[in-house]
Amino acid sequence: VTWMQQSNLHILTANKLVFSSDDRFKVIHSINSSNWILKIQNATYLDAGIYECQVNSDPKVISQVLLQIEAPPVYIKGRRELYVGVGGILSLICICHHTDFVYP
């Protein structure tokens, strides 16, 4: 079983071996299980795209999944431009909705 990132045709894993120098990628497989799980820790926007799981049988079995990375909407309260004199004090308020997102 192999996991591959479709955008660059880079093979990430083959069986339990990881071929990426990026240590965020791991493969999880339990003995006597048919599940081969690709785990990406601390996913970023650069990880988005199509991932492909391949089973090298005859005929070859391929399954694809689209990974989309979403982040909660945030905005800074107030005007887009602010002017502060030398030695002045500035307070900025960042509003973040959907705080059910989990970050490490």
Protein backbone atom coordinates (compact mmCIF):
# COMPACT_ATOMS: atom_id res chain seq x y z
CA VAL A 1 0.00 0.00 0.00
CA THR A 2 1.36 3.43 -0.95
CA TRP A 3 0.25 6.97 -0.22
CA MET A 4 1.10 9.63 -2.79
CA GLN A 5 0.53 13.38 -3.13
CA GLN A 6 -1.00 13.84 -6.57
CA SER A 7 0.23 17.41 -7.22
CA ASN A 8 3.89 16.43 -7.35
CA LEU A 9 3.57 12.64 -7.80
CA HIS A 10 5.71 12.29 -4.69
CA ILE A 11 5.39 8.92 -2.97
CA LEU A 12 4.97 9.65 0.74
CA THR A 13 4.77 6.12 2.11
CA ALA A 14 5.04 2.50 1.02
CA ASN A 15 3.74 0.02 3.54
CA LYS A 16 5.10 1.34 6.85
CA LEU A 17 8.10 3.14 5.30
CA VAL A 18 7.93 6.94 5.04
CA PHE A 19 9.80 8.43 2.06
CA SER A 20 9.27 12.07 2.98
CA SER A 21 11.96 14.03 4.79
CA ASP A 22 9.07 15.96 6.38
CA ASP A 23 8.55 14.24 9.74
CA ARG A 24 4.93 15.47 9.92
CA PHE A 25 3.95 12.55 7.64
CA LYS A 26 3.36 9.17 9.26
CA VAL A 27 1.60 5.96 8.28
CA ILE A 28 -0.42 4.03 10.80
CA HIS A 29 -1.26 0.35 10.30
CA SER A 30 -2.20 -2.24 12.90
CA ILE A 31 -1.49 -5.95 12.45
CA ASN A 32 -4.49 -7.83 11.02
CA SER A 33 -6.08 -4.53 9.93
CA SER A 34 -6.91 -3.47 6.38
CA ASN A 35 -6.62 0.22 7.33
CA TRP A 36 -3.57 2.16 6.16
CA ILE A 37 -3.84 5.67 7.61
CA LEU A 38 -1.79 8.62 6.39
CA LYS A 39 -1.34 11.06 9.26
CA ILE A 40 -0.25 14.66 8.60
CA GLN A 41 0.58 16.56 11.76
CA ASN A 42 0.30 20.36 11.84
CA ALA A 43 -1.20 20.55 8.35
CA THR A 44 -0.69 23.81 6.44
CA TYR A 45 -2.19 25.33 3.31
CA LEU A 46 0.69 23.79 1.35
CA ASP A 47 -0.58 20.31 2.27
CA ALA A 48 -3.90 20.88 0.51
CA GLY A 49 -4.58 18.80 -2.59
CA ILE A 50 -5.37 15.31 -3.77
CA TYR A 51 -3.88 12.34 -1.94
CA GLU A 52 -3.93 8.89 -3.43
CA CYS A 53 -3.86 5.49 -1.78
CA GLN A 54 -2.69 2.67 -4.08
CA VAL A 55 -2.78 -1.07 -3.57
CA ASN A 56 -0.36 -2.82 -5.91
CA SER A 57 -2.59 -5.74 -6.81
CA ASP A 58 -3.73 -7.01 -10.20
CA PRO A 59 -5.61 -4.93 -11.16
CA LYS A 60 -4.21 -1.97 -9.24
CA VAL A 61 -6.66 -0.42 -6.77
CA ILE A 62 -6.58 3.38 -6.38
CA SER A 63 -8.59 5.66 -4.12
CA GLN A 64 -8.26 9.45 -3.97
CA VAL A 65 -9.22 12.04 -1.37
CA LEU A 66 -9.17 15.84 -1.60
CA LEU A 67 -7.66 17.56 1.42
CA GLN A 68 -8.83 21.13 1.93
CA ILE A 69 -7.30 23.25 4.68
CA GLU A 70 -9.61 25.69 6.41
CA ALA A 71 -8.90 28.25 9.08
CA PRO A 72 -11.36 30.19 11.19
CA PRO A 73 -12.26 33.65 9.88
CA VAL A 74 -10.45 36.40 11.74
CA TYR A 75 -10.43 40.16 11.47
CA ILE A 76 -8.96 43.12 13.30
CA LYS A 77 -11.56 45.45 14.78
CA GLY A 78 -11.33 49.06 13.69
CA ARG A 79 -10.17 51.01 10.68
CA ARG A 80 -7.82 49.56 8.06
CA GLU A 81 -5.27 52.35 8.58
CA LEU A 82 -4.21 53.74 11.92
CA TYR A 83 -1.72 56.46 12.77
CA VAL A 84 0.11 56.57 16.07
CA GLY A 85 2.60 59.19 17.09
CA VAL A 86 6.06 58.42 18.43
CA GLY A 87 5.68 57.07 21.96
CA GLY A 88 1.95 56.57 21.49
CA ILE A 89 0.00 53.53 22.60
CA LEU A 90 -1.93 51.30 20.23
CA SER A 91 -4.38 48.55 21.12
CA LEU A 92 -5.53 46.10 18.47
CA ILE A 93 -8.41 43.67 18.89
CA CYS A 94 -8.40 40.46 16.86
CA ILE A 95 -11.82 38.79 16.49
CA CYS A 96 -11.81 35.05 15.81
CA HIS A 97 -15.02 33.11 15.14
CA HIS A 98 -15.48 29.32 15.11
CA THR A 99 -13.08 28.77 17.98
CA ASP A 100 -13.78 25.03 17.81
CA PHE A 101 -10.70 24.71 15.59
CA VAL A 102 -7.94 22.91 17.47
CA TYR A 103 -4.35 24.04 17.16
CA PRO A 104 -1.36 22.28 18.73
